[in-house]
Every structure is written in structure tokens, then in C-alpha cells.
Amino acid sequence: ERRGGMNLTWHIVLNDLRRLRLPLALWTVLLAMKLGLGAVLLWGGAGSRAWFDRVSGTINLLSAIEVLMGYVLVAWLIHGDMPTGTTAFWMTRPISGTRLLAAKLLGLAVIFAALPLVVALPWWLACGYGPRDLMLAAGETLFLHGVVVAFALPLAALTDEFSRYLMWTLVLVVALFAASLTMVVVPSMGGPGASAVK
């Protein structure tokens, strides 16, 4: 029974990967492009400062797109088969929310841990990374992707539609911006200038 449950878990993971094959292909290309531009900077010879700035700017842009796309991928993966509520079904068969959530977490591990490490490994080896450097680079990669998943996963699990996911994301962003603005403005209002007005 345990083996059958594990097989079912992997079936769900593989079904998710097939369903998201096009976004995952774009995700893989994006990761590879960022590393390729890094190789251009490292081995492309001494270009002008403007050339260096353009390539660096493109890498930063790709990094931002990577974060946004990762945030979207989490929702697409979770919303494919909701692990909670009355729609906790896989294909046409009811399944426990715990098992479905385990499958989703395994899918997230494949997309945001295994895939980035596999794509980056040839680049790290080409740069001459030793075992310690590989561990540090892998840890940094896992941490950065883990932060994106940690922010996106609770919201994706609590919403049942992508539009709601985006709406609540916007609400949270505005709330965080307002809170940050309040933390900056309120202390300054009680500064020396405020006492002088009184």
C-alpha cells in the first residue's frame, strides 16, 4: 500500500510536469540564458564599459523575470489540483489532501531545486568550482528559489484561482509598501522639526 501511494504521488508529479512542460521549457531557457550571459562577461574579452553595463543589466533583468516567473509557476503547479477544500481531487479520483500536498511539494522540489542545480552544474564545473564552492553555490541557489516558494506557496494554497492569487499578491504588496512608508514617515514626524513647530 505504501508503495502504491508513492507511485500515485510520482504520477501526480509527472502529470504536473507534463501539464507545465511549456512554462518549464521557458524556465529552463531563462536559467540557461542567465548563465550564458555570465559566461560572456567572464570569457568574452575586454569590452567597453557600456558593453559590460548592458550585459550586466540584461542579467539583472533576467534575474527579475526569473523571480516573477517562479512566483507564477508556484501558483500554476498548486492550482492544477487543489490540495485543500472541496476540489481536492486528482484526475477523476478523490485523494487525501496530505498526499496531494506531498506531491505538490515534491513537484516544487523538482522545479525549484533539482532543475536549477542541473542547469547550473556545467557552468560551475567550467568555472573550476571545487566541492566547497559547489556546496556554497548550490546553497545560494536553493536559498534564493526557496524564498520565492516560501512567499508564493501559502498564498497559492489559500486561493483557488490564479486571478485571486494575483489580486491578493497585489493587496499584500500594497500593504507592505504602506507599512514601510509608515515606518519611515511616522518617526520623522516626531523629530526635531516637529518639536520646533510646537
Protein backbone atom coordinates (compact mmCIF):
# COMPACT_ATOMS: atom_id res chain seq x y z
CA GLU A 1 0.00 0.00 0.00
CA ARG A 2 2.86 2.36 0.84
CA ARG A 3 4.50 1.64 -2.50
CA GLY A 4 1.20 2.23 -4.29
CA GLY A 5 0.84 5.57 -2.52
CA MET A 6 4.36 6.57 -3.56
CA ASN A 7 3.63 5.57 -7.14
CA LEU A 8 0.49 7.70 -7.08
CA THR A 9 2.50 10.63 -5.68
CA TRP A 10 5.01 10.35 -8.52
CA HIS A 11 2.18 10.02 -11.06
CA ILE A 12 0.81 13.35 -9.83
CA VAL A 13 4.27 14.94 -10.05
CA LEU A 14 4.82 13.65 -13.60
CA ASN A 15 1.34 14.79 -14.60
CA ASP A 16 2.12 18.29 -13.30
CA LEU A 17 5.44 18.37 -15.15
CA ARG A 18 3.73 17.32 -18.39
CA ARG A 19 0.98 19.90 -17.89
CA LEU A 20 3.55 22.65 -17.32
CA ARG A 21 6.03 21.47 -19.95
CA LEU A 22 5.95 24.72 -21.96
CA PRO A 23 6.43 27.07 -18.96
CA LEU A 24 9.12 24.73 -17.64
CA ALA A 25 10.90 24.80 -21.00
CA LEU A 26 10.87 28.61 -20.88
CA TRP A 27 12.03 28.48 -17.25
CA THR A 28 14.96 26.24 -18.23
CA VAL A 29 15.90 28.52 -21.17
CA LEU A 30 15.75 31.53 -18.84
CA LEU A 31 18.10 29.90 -16.34
CA ALA A 32 20.49 28.88 -19.12
CA MET A 33 20.44 32.35 -20.72
CA LYS A 34 21.42 33.99 -17.44
CA LEU A 35 24.35 31.60 -17.06
CA GLY A 36 25.29 32.09 -20.72
CA LEU A 37 25.50 35.85 -20.27
CA GLY A 38 27.64 35.27 -17.20
CA ALA A 39 29.98 33.25 -19.41
CA VAL A 40 30.04 36.13 -21.93
CA LEU A 41 31.12 38.51 -19.16
CA LEU A 42 33.75 36.09 -17.89
CA TRP A 43 35.26 34.92 -21.18
CA GLY A 44 34.05 37.50 -23.69
CA GLY A 45 37.21 39.55 -23.56
CA ALA A 46 37.65 43.15 -22.51
CA GLY A 47 34.74 45.11 -23.91
CA SER A 48 33.82 48.70 -23.31
CA ARG A 49 32.24 49.86 -20.08
CA ALA A 50 28.95 50.43 -21.91
CA TRP A 51 29.02 46.83 -23.23
CA PHE A 52 29.71 45.49 -19.75
CA ASP A 53 26.87 47.56 -18.29
CA ARG A 54 24.46 46.33 -20.98
CA VAL A 55 25.27 42.68 -20.36
CA SER A 56 25.11 43.15 -16.57
CA GLY A 57 21.80 44.96 -16.92
CA THR A 58 20.42 42.13 -19.05
CA ILE A 59 21.49 39.60 -16.40
CA ASN A 60 19.72 41.65 -13.72
CA LEU A 61 16.60 41.83 -15.90
CA LEU A 62 16.64 38.06 -16.43
CA SER A 63 17.03 37.59 -12.66
CA ALA A 64 13.95 39.72 -12.06
CA ILE A 65 11.99 37.76 -14.69
CA GLU A 66 13.20 34.54 -13.07
CA VAL A 67 11.73 35.61 -9.71
CA LEU A 68 8.41 36.67 -11.28
CA MET A 69 8.14 33.53 -13.38
CA GLY A 70 8.97 31.38 -10.37
CA TYR A 71 6.24 33.11 -8.40
CA VAL A 72 3.76 32.35 -11.19
CA LEU A 73 4.96 28.74 -11.57
CA VAL A 74 4.20 28.02 -7.92
CA ALA A 75 0.58 29.05 -8.40
CA TRP A 76 0.22 27.13 -11.67
CA LEU A 77 1.55 23.99 -10.02
CA ILE A 78 -0.65 24.25 -6.92
CA HIS A 79 -3.80 25.34 -8.74
CA GLY A 80 -3.58 22.41 -11.16
CA ASP A 81 -5.03 20.16 -8.44
CA MET A 82 -6.05 21.98 -5.28
CA PRO A 83 -4.71 20.22 -2.14
CA THR A 84 -7.43 21.70 0.08
CA GLY A 85 -11.16 22.33 0.08
CA THR A 86 -13.93 20.57 -1.82
CA THR A 87 -11.92 20.32 -5.04
CA ALA A 88 -9.18 18.09 -3.58
CA PHE A 89 -9.26 15.64 -6.47
CA TRP A 90 -6.63 14.30 -8.82
CA MET A 91 -7.83 13.42 -12.29
CA THR A 92 -11.25 11.84 -11.54
CA ARG A 93 -10.26 10.16 -8.30
CA PRO A 94 -10.57 11.65 -4.80
CA ILE A 95 -7.27 11.79 -2.92
CA SER A 96 -6.27 12.85 0.55
CA GLY A 97 -5.17 16.46 0.90
CA THR A 98 -2.00 15.31 2.66
CA ARG A 99 -0.91 13.06 -0.20
CA LEU A 100 -1.77 15.68 -2.81
CA LEU A 101 0.14 18.34 -0.88
CA ALA A 102 3.13 15.98 -0.61
CA ALA A 103 3.04 15.52 -4.39
CA LYS A 104 2.91 19.28 -4.91
CA LEU A 105 5.86 19.82 -2.57
CA LEU A 106 7.80 17.14 -4.45
CA GLY A 107 6.96 18.89 -7.72
CA LEU A 108 8.20 22.19 -6.28
CA ALA A 109 11.44 20.47 -5.26
CA VAL A 110 11.94 19.20 -8.81
CA ILE A 111 11.25 22.60 -10.40
CA PHE A 112 12.97 24.91 -7.92
CA ALA A 113 15.78 22.71 -6.61
CA ALA A 114 16.71 19.85 -8.94
CA LEU A 115 16.22 21.68 -12.25
CA PRO A 116 18.21 24.86 -11.38
CA LEU A 117 21.04 22.76 -9.95
CA VAL A 118 21.20 20.54 -13.06
CA VAL A 119 21.23 23.60 -15.34
CA ALA A 120 23.88 25.42 -13.29
CA LEU A 121 26.21 22.46 -12.63
CA PRO A 122 28.05 22.57 -16.01
CA TRP A 123 28.65 26.31 -15.52
CA TRP A 124 30.04 25.79 -12.03
CA LEU A 125 32.32 22.98 -13.23
CA ALA A 126 33.51 25.12 -16.17
CA CYS A 127 34.41 27.84 -13.67
CA GLY A 128 36.57 25.35 -11.80
CA TYR A 129 34.45 25.12 -8.66
CA GLY A 130 35.71 22.66 -6.08
CA PRO A 131 33.49 20.69 -3.68
CA ARG A 132 33.26 23.56 -1.18
CA ASP A 133 32.44 26.11 -3.91
CA LEU A 134 29.81 23.76 -5.35
CA MET A 135 28.18 23.42 -1.94
CA LEU A 136 28.13 27.18 -1.43
CA ALA A 137 26.77 27.88 -4.91
CA ALA A 138 24.12 25.16 -4.56
CA GLY A 139 23.13 26.51 -1.15
CA GLU A 140 22.77 30.05 -2.51
CA THR A 141 20.69 28.82 -5.46
CA LEU A 142 18.40 26.77 -3.22
CA PHE A 143 18.02 29.65 -0.78
CA LEU A 144 17.03 32.18 -3.46
CA HIS A 145 14.47 29.87 -5.04
CA GLY A 146 13.30 28.76 -1.60
CA VAL A 147 12.49 32.37 -0.68
CA VAL A 148 10.27 32.70 -3.76
CA VAL A 149 8.48 29.42 -2.95
CA ALA A 150 8.09 30.37 0.72
CA PHE A 151 6.31 33.60 -0.23
CA ALA A 152 4.19 32.10 -3.01
CA LEU A 153 3.17 28.73 -1.58
CA PRO A 154 0.87 29.85 1.28
CA LEU A 155 -0.97 32.28 -0.97
CA ALA A 156 -1.29 29.70 -3.75
CA ALA A 157 -2.64 27.10 -1.32
CA LEU A 158 -5.21 29.53 0.10
CA THR A 159 -6.55 30.71 -3.26
CA ASP A 160 -8.40 28.58 -5.80
CA GLU A 161 -7.96 30.76 -8.88
CA PHE A 162 -4.98 32.46 -10.46
CA SER A 163 -6.85 35.78 -10.64
CA ARG A 164 -7.40 35.69 -6.88
CA TYR A 165 -3.76 34.77 -6.39
CA LEU A 166 -2.72 37.88 -8.31
CA MET A 167 -5.28 40.04 -6.52
CA TRP A 168 -4.09 39.01 -3.05
CA THR A 169 -0.49 39.40 -4.18
CA LEU A 170 -1.28 42.99 -5.13
CA VAL A 171 -3.04 43.53 -1.77
CA LEU A 172 -0.01 42.21 0.12
CA VAL A 173 2.43 44.30 -1.93
CA VAL A 174 0.38 47.46 -1.28
CA ALA A 175 0.09 46.60 2.43
CA LEU A 176 3.84 46.03 2.72
CA PHE A 177 4.55 49.27 0.87
CA ALA A 178 2.15 51.18 3.13
CA ALA A 179 3.69 49.63 6.25
CA SER A 180 7.20 50.50 5.06
CA LEU A 181 6.12 54.05 4.25
CA THR A 182 4.53 54.41 7.68
CA MET A 183 7.72 53.22 9.38
CA VAL A 184 9.69 55.90 7.53
CA VAL A 185 7.24 58.82 7.76
CA VAL A 186 5.91 58.46 11.34
CA PRO A 187 9.31 58.58 13.12
CA SER A 188 10.38 61.59 11.04
CA MET A 189 7.22 63.47 12.09
CA GLY A 190 8.31 63.21 15.71
CA GLY A 191 11.81 64.53 15.03
CA PRO A 192 13.41 67.87 15.94
CA GLY A 193 11.46 69.72 13.24
CA ALA A 194 8.15 68.68 14.77
CA SER A 195 9.13 69.92 18.23
CA ALA A 196 10.24 73.25 16.76
CA VAL A 197 6.81 73.75 15.16
CA LYS A 198 5.17 73.23 18.51
